[in-house]
Amino acid sequence: QTVTWCGHEGVVRYIGPVKFAADEWVGVELLEPKGFHNGSAMGVSYFTCTPGHGIFAQAVQLKDRAPAVPPSAAPASPTPAAAAAAKSEVETLPSRTETADGSIS
């Protein structure tokens, strides 16, 4: 996913907890050397990138740069024949009931 941080474009490389702060953080590899590290912080490697290209930010600090999908490029709804064919491929499982002792039969 491509995002911008402080006007700089980058690619998300990590999402999750970090050792240096609470909450979830996003690791981004910036396209230009405007970052602070190589994907490591406090001795922990969260992702790998060229030194000076990595940053960590909270998701609210990032703007999504993914291009909008025009309606003409959106996937079409399946035709009735395709939907029927897909439905016929679904396996029907036997029904299960709970017995008085709590087990399932």
PDB file of N, CA and C in Angstrom:
ATOM      1  N   GLN A   1       0.848  -1.173   0.000  1.00  0.00           N
ATOM      2  CA  GLN A   1       0.000   0.000   0.000  1.00  0.00           C
ATOM      3  C   GLN A   1       0.889   1.229   0.000  1.00  0.00           C
ATOM      4  N   THR A   2       0.593   2.166  -0.854  1.00  0.00           N
ATOM      5  CA  THR A   2       1.340   3.408  -0.946  1.00  0.00           C
ATOM      6  C   THR A   2       0.650   4.481  -0.109  1.00  0.00           C
ATOM      7  N   VAL A   3       1.449   5.197   0.689  1.00  0.00           N
ATOM      8  CA  VAL A   3       0.919   6.239   1.574  1.00  0.00           C
ATOM      9  C   VAL A   3       1.812   7.469   1.481  1.00  0.00           C
ATOM     10  N   THR A   4       1.330   8.586   2.049  1.00  0.00           N
ATOM     11  CA  THR A   4       2.183   9.763   2.201  1.00  0.00           C
ATOM     12  C   THR A   4       2.275  10.087   3.685  1.00  0.00           C
ATOM     13  N   TRP A   5       3.454  10.531   4.072  1.00  0.00           N
ATOM     14  CA  TRP A   5       3.735  10.959   5.439  1.00  0.00           C
ATOM     15  C   TRP A   5       4.455  12.297   5.338  1.00  0.00           C
ATOM     16  N   CYS A   6       3.873  13.326   5.910  1.00  0.00           N
ATOM     17  CA  CYS A   6       4.466  14.678   5.873  1.00  0.00           C
ATOM     18  C   CYS A   6       4.821  15.083   4.447  1.00  0.00           C
ATOM     19  N   GLY A   7       3.998  14.701   3.490  1.00  0.00           N
ATOM     20  CA  GLY A   7       4.220  15.060   2.098  1.00  0.00           C
ATOM     21  C   GLY A   7       5.186  14.152   1.351  1.00  0.00           C
ATOM     22  N   HIS A   8       5.684  13.113   2.011  1.00  0.00           N
ATOM     23  CA  HIS A   8       6.634  12.196   1.383  1.00  0.00           C
ATOM     24  C   HIS A   8       5.959  10.853   1.112  1.00  0.00           C
ATOM     25  N   GLU A   9       6.103  10.359  -0.114  1.00  0.00           N
ATOM     26  CA  GLU A   9       5.472   9.099  -0.509  1.00  0.00           C
ATOM     27  C   GLU A   9       6.314   7.916  -0.035  1.00  0.00           C
ATOM     28  N   GLY A  10       5.607   6.856   0.364  1.00  0.00           N
ATOM     29  CA  GLY A  10       6.290   5.649   0.811  1.00  0.00           C
ATOM     30  C   GLY A  10       5.397   4.441   0.703  1.00  0.00           C
ATOM     31  N   VAL A  11       5.965   3.289   1.072  1.00  0.00           N
ATOM     32  CA  VAL A  11       5.254   2.016   0.996  1.00  0.00           C
ATOM     33  C   VAL A  11       5.190   1.408   2.396  1.00  0.00           C
ATOM     34  N   VAL A  12       3.997   0.967   2.803  1.00  0.00           N
ATOM     35  CA  VAL A  12       3.831   0.333   4.111  1.00  0.00           C
ATOM     36  C   VAL A  12       4.583  -0.992   4.111  1.00  0.00           C
ATOM     37  N   ARG A  13       5.435  -1.176   5.109  1.00  0.00           N
ATOM     38  CA  ARG A  13       6.240  -2.395   5.242  1.00  0.00           C
ATOM     39  C   ARG A  13       5.937  -3.161   6.522  1.00  0.00           C
ATOM     40  N   TYR A  14       5.283  -2.512   7.506  1.00  0.00           N
ATOM     41  CA  TYR A  14       5.006  -3.165   8.787  1.00  0.00           C
ATOM     42  C   TYR A  14       3.813  -2.484   9.438  1.00  0.00           C
ATOM     43  N   ILE A  15       2.942  -3.296  10.050  1.00  0.00           N
ATOM     44  CA  ILE A  15       1.843  -2.776  10.864  1.00  0.00           C
ATOM     45  C   ILE A  15       1.774  -3.653  12.103  1.00  0.00           C
ATOM     46  N   GLY A  16       1.839  -3.029  13.269  1.00  0.00           N
ATOM     47  CA  GLY A  16       1.743  -3.820  14.488  1.00  0.00           C
ATOM     48  C   GLY A  16       2.374  -3.142  15.677  1.00  0.00           C
ATOM     49  N   PRO A  17       2.555  -3.924  16.756  1.00  0.00           N
ATOM     50  CA  PRO A  17       3.137  -3.361  17.970  1.00  0.00           C
ATOM     51  C   PRO A  17       4.634  -3.124  17.798  1.00  0.00           C
ATOM     52  N   VAL A  18       5.160  -2.192  18.592  1.00  0.00           N
ATOM     53  CA  VAL A  18       6.585  -1.882  18.580  1.00  0.00           C
ATOM     54  C   VAL A  18       7.080  -1.816  20.026  1.00  0.00           C
ATOM     55  N   LYS A  19       8.365  -2.001  20.187  1.00  0.00           N
ATOM     56  CA  LYS A  19       8.975  -2.001  21.516  1.00  0.00           C
ATOM     57  C   LYS A  19       9.024  -0.601  22.127  1.00  0.00           C
ATOM     58  N   PHE A  20       9.109   0.425  21.307  1.00  0.00           N
ATOM     59  CA  PHE A  20       9.363   1.777  21.794  1.00  0.00           C
ATOM     60  C   PHE A  20       8.122   2.571  22.183  1.00  0.00           C
ATOM     61  N   ALA A  21       6.916   2.054  21.923  1.00  0.00           N
ATOM     62  CA  ALA A  21       5.696   2.811  22.247  1.00  0.00           C
ATOM     63  C   ALA A  21       4.495   1.871  22.309  1.00  0.00           C
ATOM     64  N   ALA A  22       3.443   2.360  22.949  1.00  0.00           N
ATOM     65  CA  ALA A  22       2.196   1.600  23.026  1.00  0.00           C
ATOM     66  C   ALA A  22       1.410   1.752  21.725  1.00  0.00           C
ATOM     67  N   ASP A  23       0.401   0.964  21.583  1.00  0.00           N
ATOM     68  CA  ASP A  23      -0.516   1.004  20.437  1.00  0.00           C
ATOM     69  C   ASP A  23       0.110   0.408  19.176  1.00  0.00           C
ATOM     70  N   GLU A  24      -0.654   0.460  18.103  1.00  0.00           N
ATOM     71  CA  GLU A  24      -0.205  -0.078  16.815  1.00  0.00           C
ATOM     72  C   GLU A  24       0.487   1.021  16.021  1.00  0.00           C
ATOM     73  N   TRP A  25       1.602   0.646  15.370  1.00  0.00           N
ATOM     74  CA  TRP A  25       2.375   1.586  14.561  1.00  0.00           C
ATOM     75  C   TRP A  25       2.517   1.044  13.153  1.00  0.00           C
ATOM     76  N   VAL A  26       2.758   1.950  12.218  1.00  0.00           N
ATOM     77  CA  VAL A  26       2.935   1.587  10.818  1.00  0.00           C
ATOM     78  C   VAL A  26       4.370   1.922  10.426  1.00  0.00           C
ATOM     79  N   GLY A  27       5.091   0.919   9.929  1.00  0.00           N
ATOM     80  CA  GLY A  27       6.433   1.136   9.422  1.00  0.00           C
ATOM     81  C   GLY A  27       6.355   1.412   7.933  1.00  0.00           C
ATOM     82  N   VAL A  28       6.984   2.494   7.504  1.00  0.00           N
ATOM     83  CA  VAL A  28       6.901   2.919   6.108  1.00  0.00           C
ATOM     84  C   VAL A  28       8.311   3.088   5.542  1.00  0.00           C
ATOM     85  N   GLU A  29       8.510   2.571   4.339  1.00  0.00           N
ATOM     86  CA  GLU A  29       9.737   2.820   3.590  1.00  0.00           C
ATOM     87  C   GLU A  29       9.464   3.990   2.653  1.00  0.00           C
ATOM     88  N   LEU A  30      10.110   5.130   2.924  1.00  0.00           N
ATOM     89  CA  LEU A  30       9.920   6.304   2.083  1.00  0.00           C
ATOM     90  C   LEU A  30      10.706   6.151   0.789  1.00  0.00           C
ATOM     91  N   LEU A  31      10.189   6.732  -0.287  1.00  0.00           N
ATOM     92  CA  LEU A  31      10.862   6.643  -1.584  1.00  0.00           C
ATOM     93  C   LEU A  31      12.107   7.522  -1.628  1.00  0.00           C
ATOM     94  N   GLU A  32      12.146   8.581  -0.820  1.00  0.00           N
ATOM     95  CA  GLU A  32      13.293   9.489  -0.750  1.00  0.00           C
ATOM     96  C   GLU A  32      13.944   9.346   0.634  1.00  0.00           C
ATOM     97  N   PRO A  33      15.199   9.709   0.780  1.00  0.00           N
ATOM     98  CA  PRO A  33      15.876   9.593   2.078  1.00  0.00           C
ATOM     99  C   PRO A  33      15.444  10.688   3.060  1.00  0.00           C
ATOM    100  N   LYS A  34      14.192  10.657   3.442  1.00  0.00           N
ATOM    101  CA  LYS A  34      13.632  11.642   4.371  1.00  0.00           C
ATOM    102  C   LYS A  34      13.271  10.992   5.701  1.00  0.00           C
ATOM    103  N   GLY A  35      13.660   9.717   5.880  1.00  0.00           N
ATOM    104  CA  GLY A  35      13.322   8.985   7.089  1.00  0.00           C
ATOM    105  C   GLY A  35      14.417   9.062   8.134  1.00  0.00           C
ATOM    106  N   PHE A  36      14.363   8.134   9.086  1.00  0.00           N
ATOM    107  CA  PHE A  36      15.264   8.175  10.232  1.00  0.00           C
ATOM    108  C   PHE A  36      16.053   6.893  10.449  1.00  0.00           C
ATOM    109  N   HIS A  37      15.666   5.799   9.794  1.00  0.00           N
ATOM    110  CA  HIS A  37      16.305   4.516  10.087  1.00  0.00           C
ATOM    111  C   HIS A  37      16.170   3.559   8.909  1.00  0.00           C
ATOM    112  N   ASN A  38      16.548   2.297   9.129  1.00  0.00           N
ATOM    113  CA  ASN A  38      16.501   1.266   8.093  1.00  0.00           C
ATOM    114  C   ASN A  38      15.422   0.212   8.363  1.00  0.00           C
ATOM    115  N   GLY A  39      14.438   0.556   9.183  1.00  0.00           N
ATOM    116  CA  GLY A  39      13.383  -0.391   9.543  1.00  0.00           C
ATOM    117  C   GLY A  39      13.578  -1.000  10.919  1.00  0.00           C
ATOM    118  N   SER A  40      14.706  -0.657  11.561  1.00  0.00           N
ATOM    119  CA  SER A  40      14.995  -1.141  12.915  1.00  0.00           C
ATOM    120  C   SER A  40      14.871   0.010  13.898  1.00  0.00           C
ATOM    121  N   ALA A  41      14.412  -0.318  15.108  1.00  0.00           N
ATOM    122  CA  ALA A  41      14.328   0.684  16.167  1.00  0.00           C
ATOM    123  C   ALA A  41      14.605   0.005  17.500  1.00  0.00           C
ATOM    124  N   MET A  42      15.444   0.605  18.297  1.00  0.00           N
ATOM    125  CA  MET A  42      15.823   0.078  19.621  1.00  0.00           C
ATOM    126  C   MET A  42      16.299  -1.370  19.538  1.00  0.00           C
ATOM    127  N   GLY A  43      17.066  -1.675  18.494  1.00  0.00           N
ATOM    128  CA  GLY A  43      17.643  -3.004  18.357  1.00  0.00           C
ATOM    129  C   GLY A  43      16.716  -4.065  17.804  1.00  0.00           C
ATOM    130  N   VAL A  44      15.506  -3.689  17.419  1.00  0.00           N
ATOM    131  CA  VAL A  44      14.542  -4.641  16.854  1.00  0.00           C
ATOM    132  C   VAL A  44      14.316  -4.293  15.387  1.00  0.00           C
ATOM    133  N   SER A  45      14.437  -5.294  14.513  1.00  0.00           N
ATOM    134  CA  SER A  45      14.193  -5.085  13.088  1.00  0.00           C
ATOM    135  C   SER A  45      12.734  -5.405  12.778  1.00  0.00           C
ATOM    136  N   TYR A  46      11.992  -4.392  12.383  1.00  0.00           N
ATOM    137  CA  TYR A  46      10.571  -4.560  12.067  1.00  0.00           C
ATOM    138  C   TYR A  46      10.360  -4.750  10.566  1.00  0.00           C
ATOM    139  N   PHE A  47      11.207  -4.152   9.753  1.00  0.00           N
ATOM    140  CA  PHE A  47      11.203  -4.313   8.303  1.00  0.00           C
ATOM    141  C   PHE A  47      12.572  -3.881   7.814  1.00  0.00           C
ATOM    142  N   THR A  48      12.864  -4.099   6.550  1.00  0.00           N
ATOM    143  CA  THR A  48      14.168  -3.751   6.003  1.00  0.00           C
ATOM    144  C   THR A  48      14.014  -2.738   4.879  1.00  0.00           C
ATOM    145  N   CYS A  49      14.838  -1.683   4.936  1.00  0.00           N
ATOM    146  CA  CYS A  49      14.869  -0.702   3.863  1.00  0.00           C
ATOM    147  C   CYS A  49      16.232  -0.021   3.882  1.00  0.00           C
ATOM    148  N   THR A  50      16.478   0.802   2.900  1.00  0.00           N
ATOM    149  CA  THR A  50      17.721   1.558   2.816  1.00  0.00           C
ATOM    150  C   THR A  50      17.815   2.499   4.021  1.00  0.00           C
ATOM    151  N   PRO A  51      18.989   2.601   4.660  1.00  0.00           N
ATOM    152  CA  PRO A  51      19.133   3.534   5.781  1.00  0.00           C
ATOM    153  C   PRO A  51      18.681   4.949   5.402  1.00  0.00           C
ATOM    154  N   GLY A  52      17.959   5.582   6.336  1.00  0.00           N
ATOM    155  CA  GLY A  52      17.458   6.930   6.097  1.00  0.00           C
ATOM    156  C   GLY A  52      16.131   6.983   5.358  1.00  0.00           C
ATOM    157  N   HIS A  53      15.564   5.826   5.027  1.00  0.00           N
ATOM    158  CA  HIS A  53      14.289   5.785   4.317  1.00  0.00           C
ATOM    159  C   HIS A  53      13.137   5.308   5.205  1.00  0.00           C
ATOM    160  N   GLY A  54      13.421   4.814   6.401  1.00  0.00           N
ATOM    161  CA  GLY A  54      12.378   4.234   7.249  1.00  0.00           C
ATOM    162  C   GLY A  54      11.821   5.198   8.270  1.00  0.00           C
ATOM    163  N   ILE A  55      10.515   5.097   8.490  1.00  0.00           N
ATOM    164  CA  ILE A  55       9.846   5.863   9.551  1.00  0.00           C
ATOM    165  C   ILE A  55       8.784   4.975  10.184  1.00  0.00           C
ATOM    166  N   PHE A  56       8.411   5.309  11.403  1.00  0.00           N
ATOM    167  CA  PHE A  56       7.238   4.724  12.053  1.00  0.00           C
ATOM    168  C   PHE A  56       6.256   5.852  12.301  1.00  0.00           C
ATOM    169  N   ALA A  57       4.993   5.596  12.072  1.00  0.00           N
ATOM    170  CA  ALA A  57       3.950   6.606  12.285  1.00  0.00           C
ATOM    171  C   ALA A  57       2.677   5.921  12.738  1.00  0.00           C
ATOM    172  N   GLN A  58       1.821   6.676  13.366  1.00  0.00           N
ATOM    173  CA  GLN A  58       0.484   6.195  13.685  1.00  0.00           C
ATOM    174  C   GLN A  58      -0.334   6.272  12.392  1.00  0.00           C
ATOM    175  N   ALA A  59      -1.288   5.390  12.243  1.00  0.00           N
ATOM    176  CA  ALA A  59      -2.077   5.333  11.011  1.00  0.00           C
ATOM    177  C   ALA A  59      -2.739   6.675  10.686  1.00  0.00           C
ATOM    178  N   VAL A  60      -3.152   7.430  11.716  1.00  0.00           N
ATOM    179  CA  VAL A  60      -3.821   8.719  11.476  1.00  0.00           C
ATOM    180  C   VAL A  60      -2.870   9.756  10.872  1.00  0.00           C
ATOM    181  N   GLN A  61      -1.555   9.527  10.950  1.00  0.00           N
ATOM    182  CA  GLN A  61      -0.577  10.452  10.386  1.00  0.00           C
ATOM    183  C   GLN A  61      -0.303  10.186   8.909  1.00  0.00           C
ATOM    184  N   LEU A  62      -0.888   9.124   8.369  1.00  0.00           N
ATOM    185  CA  LEU A  62      -0.632   8.719   6.992  1.00  0.00           C
ATOM    186  C   LEU A  62      -1.847   8.967   6.121  1.00  0.00           C
ATOM    187  N   LYS A  63      -1.597   9.285   4.877  1.00  0.00           N
ATOM    188  CA  LYS A  63      -2.674   9.416   3.888  1.00  0.00           C
ATOM    189  C   LYS A  63      -2.516   8.300   2.877  1.00  0.00           C
ATOM    190  N   ASP A  64      -3.624   7.641   2.579  1.00  0.00           N
ATOM    191  CA  ASP A  64      -3.625   6.548   1.607  1.00  0.00           C
ATOM    192  C   ASP A  64      -3.448   7.116   0.216  1.00  0.00           C
ATOM    193  N   ARG A  65      -2.499   6.545  -0.528  1.00  0.00           N
ATOM    194  CA  ARG A  65      -2.223   7.018  -1.886  1.00  0.00           C
ATOM    195  C   ARG A  65      -2.709   6.034  -2.935  1.00  0.00           C
ATOM    196  N   ALA A  66      -3.487   5.025  -2.536  1.00  0.00           N
ATOM    197  CA  ALA A  66      -3.991   4.045  -3.501  1.00  0.00           C
ATOM    198  C   ALA A  66      -4.930   4.752  -4.463  1.00  0.00           C
ATOM    199  N   PRO A  67      -4.754   4.537  -5.754  1.00  0.00           N
ATOM    200  CA  PRO A  67      -5.642   5.189  -6.717  1.00  0.00           C
ATOM    201  C   PRO A  67      -7.061   4.648  -6.589  1.00  0.00           C
ATOM    202  N   ALA A  68      -7.999   5.531  -6.777  1.00  0.00           N
ATOM    203  CA  ALA A  68      -9.399   5.112  -6.753  1.00  0.00           C
ATOM    204  C   ALA A  68      -9.678   4.229  -7.963  1.00  0.00           C
ATOM    205  N   VAL A  69     -10.481   3.208  -7.757  1.00  0.00           N
ATOM    206  CA  VAL A  69     -10.841   2.309  -8.852  1.00  0.00           C
ATOM    207  C   VAL A  69     -12.052   2.883  -9.559  1.00  0.00           C
ATOM    208  N   PRO A  70     -11.922   3.196 -10.833  1.00  0.00           N
ATOM    209  CA  PRO A  70     -13.085   3.722 -11.549  1.00  0.00           C
ATOM    210  C   PRO A  70     -14.162   2.644 -11.655  1.00  0.00           C
ATOM    211  N   PRO A  71     -15.425   3.045 -11.688  1.00  0.00           N
ATOM    212  CA  PRO A  71     -16.514   2.072 -11.752  1.00  0.00           C
ATOM    213  C   PRO A  71     -16.365   1.086 -12.906  1.00  0.00           C
ATOM    214  N   SER A  72     -15.812   1.519 -14.025  1.00  0.00           N
ATOM    215  CA  SER A  72     -15.666   0.617 -15.166  1.00  0.00           C
ATOM    216  C   SER A  72     -14.659  -0.487 -14.892  1.00  0.00           C
ATOM    217  N   ALA A  73     -13.749  -0.281 -13.913  1.00  0.00           N
ATOM    218  CA  ALA A  73     -12.744  -1.296 -13.588  1.00  0.00           C
ATOM    219  C   ALA A  73     -13.191  -2.204 -12.447  1.00  0.00           C
ATOM    220  N   ALA A  74     -14.313  -1.885 -11.823  1.00  0.00           N
ATOM    221  CA  ALA A  74     -14.801  -2.704 -10.726  1.00  0.00           C
ATOM    222  C   ALA A  74     -15.239  -4.068 -11.254  1.00  0.00           C
ATOM    223  N   PRO A  75     -15.073  -5.115 -10.440  1.00  0.00           N
ATOM    224  CA  PRO A  75     -15.495  -6.430 -10.903  1.00  0.00           C
ATOM    225  C   PRO A  75     -16.993  -6.462 -11.183  1.00  0.00           C
ATOM    226  N   ALA A  76     -17.360  -7.123 -12.232  1.00  0.00           N
ATOM    227  CA  ALA A  76     -18.771  -7.235 -12.611  1.00  0.00           C
ATOM    228  C   ALA A  76     -19.466  -8.262 -11.733  1.00  0.00           C
ATOM    229  N   SER A  77     -20.759  -8.094 -11.558  1.00  0.00           N
ATOM    230  CA  SER A  77     -21.539  -9.083 -10.825  1.00  0.00           C
ATOM    231  C   SER A  77     -21.606 -10.354 -11.653  1.00  0.00           C
ATOM    232  N   PRO A  78     -21.610 -11.518 -10.968  1.00  0.00           N
ATOM    233  CA  PRO A  78     -21.669 -12.763 -11.731  1.00  0.00           C
ATOM    234  C   PRO A  78     -23.005 -12.901 -12.463  1.00  0.00           C
ATOM    235  N   THR A  79     -22.958 -13.535 -13.604  1.00  0.00           N
ATOM    236  CA  THR A  79     -24.187 -13.790 -14.339  1.00  0.00           C
ATOM    237  C   THR A  79     -25.002 -14.829 -13.572  1.00  0.00           C
ATOM    238  N   PRO A  80     -26.308 -14.916 -13.808  1.00  0.00           N
ATOM    239  CA  PRO A  80     -27.112 -15.927 -13.123  1.00  0.00           C
ATOM    240  C   PRO A  80     -26.573 -17.347 -13.349  1.00  0.00           C
ATOM    241  N   ALA A  81     -26.082 -17.634 -14.557  1.00  0.00           N
ATOM    242  CA  ALA A  81     -25.550 -18.969 -14.833  1.00  0.00           C
ATOM    243  C   ALA A  81     -24.297 -19.238 -14.007  1.00  0.00           C
ATOM    244  N   ALA A  82     -23.413 -18.233 -13.881  1.00  0.00           N
ATOM    245  CA  ALA A  82     -22.192 -18.406 -13.095  1.00  0.00           C
ATOM    246  C   ALA A  82     -22.524 -18.572 -11.619  1.00  0.00           C
ATOM    247  N   ALA A  83     -23.506 -17.813 -11.139  1.00  0.00           N
ATOM    248  CA  ALA A  83     -23.902 -17.927  -9.740  1.00  0.00           C
ATOM    249  C   ALA A  83     -24.489 -19.307  -9.460  1.00  0.00           C
ATOM    250  N   ALA A  84     -25.293 -19.826 -10.373  1.00  0.00           N
ATOM    251  CA  ALA A  84     -25.878 -21.156 -10.200  1.00  0.00           C
ATOM    252  C   ALA A  84     -24.802 -22.227 -10.218  1.00  0.00           C
ATOM    253  N   ALA A  85     -23.822 -22.088 -11.098  1.00  0.00           N
ATOM    254  CA  ALA A  85     -22.730 -23.061 -11.173  1.00  0.00           C
ATOM    255  C   ALA A  85     -21.921 -23.042  -9.885  1.00  0.00           C
ATOM    256  N   ALA A  86     -21.642 -21.867  -9.347  1.00  0.00           N
ATOM    257  CA  ALA A  86     -20.887 -21.766  -8.102  1.00  0.00           C
ATOM    258  C   ALA A  86     -21.670 -22.372  -6.950  1.00  0.00           C
ATOM    259  N   LYS A  87     -22.984 -22.134  -6.930  1.00  0.00           N
ATOM    260  CA  LYS A  87     -23.829 -22.670  -5.861  1.00  0.00           C
ATOM    261  C   LYS A  87     -23.865 -24.193  -5.917  1.00  0.00           C
ATOM    262  N   SER A  88     -23.855 -24.769  -7.114  1.00  0.00           N
ATOM    263  CA  SER A  88     -23.907 -26.221  -7.235  1.00  0.00           C
ATOM    264  C   SER A  88     -22.617 -26.875  -6.765  1.00  0.00           C
ATOM    265  N   GLU A  89     -21.503 -26.094  -6.727  1.00  0.00           N
ATOM    266  CA  GLU A  89     -20.227 -26.634  -6.282  1.00  0.00           C
ATOM    267  C   GLU A  89     -20.087 -26.620  -4.767  1.00  0.00           C
ATOM    268  N   VAL A  90     -20.977 -25.928  -4.070  1.00  0.00           N
ATOM    269  CA  VAL A  90     -20.900 -25.852  -2.617  1.00  0.00           C
ATOM    270  C   VAL A  90     -21.413 -27.154  -2.028  1.00  0.00           C
ATOM    271  N   GLU A  91     -20.612 -27.736  -1.149  1.00  0.00           N
ATOM    272  CA  GLU A  91     -20.989 -29.004  -0.516  1.00  0.00           C
ATOM    273  C   GLU A  91     -21.996 -28.736   0.586  1.00  0.00           C
ATOM    274  N   THR A  92     -23.059 -29.497   0.611  1.00  0.00           N
ATOM    275  CA  THR A  92     -24.041 -29.379   1.664  1.00  0.00           C
ATOM    276  C   THR A  92     -23.666 -30.350   2.774  1.00  0.00           C
ATOM    277  N   LEU A  93     -23.479 -29.818   3.967  1.00  0.00           N
ATOM    278  CA  LEU A  93     -23.104 -30.651   5.103  1.00  0.00           C
ATOM    279  C   LEU A  93     -24.353 -31.116   5.827  1.00  0.00           C
ATOM    280  N   PRO A  94     -24.294 -32.319   6.421  1.00  0.00           N
ATOM    281  CA  PRO A  94     -25.464 -32.786   7.176  1.00  0.00           C
ATOM    282  C   PRO A  94     -25.689 -31.883   8.383  1.00  0.00           C
ATOM    283  N   SER A  95     -26.941 -31.725   8.761  1.00  0.00           N
ATOM    284  CA  SER A  95     -27.242 -30.865   9.899  1.00  0.00           C
ATOM    285  C   SER A  95     -26.820 -31.563  11.186  1.00  0.00           C
ATOM    286  N   ARG A  96     -26.496 -30.776  12.157  1.00  0.00           N
ATOM    287  CA  ARG A  96     -26.045 -31.286  13.457  1.00  0.00           C
ATOM    288  C   ARG A  96     -27.018 -30.789  14.510  1.00  0.00           C
ATOM    289  N   THR A  97     -27.242 -31.594  15.525  1.00  0.00           N
ATOM    290  CA  THR A  97     -28.104 -31.183  16.619  1.00  0.00           C
ATOM    291  C   THR A  97     -27.405 -31.449  17.944  1.00  0.00           C
ATOM    292  N   GLU A  98     -27.714 -30.626  18.920  1.00  0.00           N
ATOM    293  CA  GLU A  98     -27.133 -30.797  20.253  1.00  0.00           C
ATOM    294  C   GLU A  98     -28.025 -31.739  21.037  1.00  0.00           C
ATOM    295  N   THR A  99     -27.413 -32.726  21.700  1.00  0.00           N
ATOM    296  CA  THR A  99     -28.157 -33.700  22.494  1.00  0.00           C
ATOM    297  C   THR A  99     -28.335 -33.162  23.909  1.00  0.00           C
ATOM    298  N   ALA A 100     -29.100 -33.862  24.721  1.00  0.00           N
ATOM    299  CA  ALA A 100     -29.387 -33.438  26.089  1.00  0.00           C
ATOM    300  C   ALA A 100     -28.114 -33.323  26.930  1.00  0.00           C
ATOM    301  N   ASP A 101     -27.113 -34.156  26.671  1.00  0.00           N
ATOM    302  CA  ASP A 101     -25.864 -34.092  27.458  1.00  0.00           C
ATOM    303  C   ASP A 101     -24.893 -33.033  26.936  1.00  0.00           C
ATOM    304  N   GLY A 102     -25.271 -32.240  25.928  1.00  0.00           N
ATOM    305  CA  GLY A 102     -24.440 -31.166  25.425  1.00  0.00           C
ATOM    306  C   GLY A 102     -23.554 -31.550  24.252  1.00  0.00           C
ATOM    307  N   SER A 103     -23.522 -32.835  23.901  1.00  0.00           N
ATOM    308  CA  SER A 103     -22.699 -33.231  22.771  1.00  0.00           C
ATOM    309  C   SER A 103     -23.456 -32.975  21.466  1.00  0.00           C
ATOM    310  N   ILE A 104     -22.752 -33.049  20.375  1.00  0.00           N
ATOM    311  CA  ILE A 104     -23.346 -32.797  19.060  1.00  0.00           C
ATOM    312  C   ILE A 104     -23.407 -34.128  18.319  1.00  0.00           C
ATOM    313  N   SER A 105     -24.562 -34.368  17.738  1.00  0.00           N
ATOM    314  CA  SER A 105     -24.699 -35.609  16.942  1.00  0.00           C
ATOM    315  C   SER A 105     -25.078 -35.290  15.516  1.00  0.00           C
TER     316      SER A 105
END
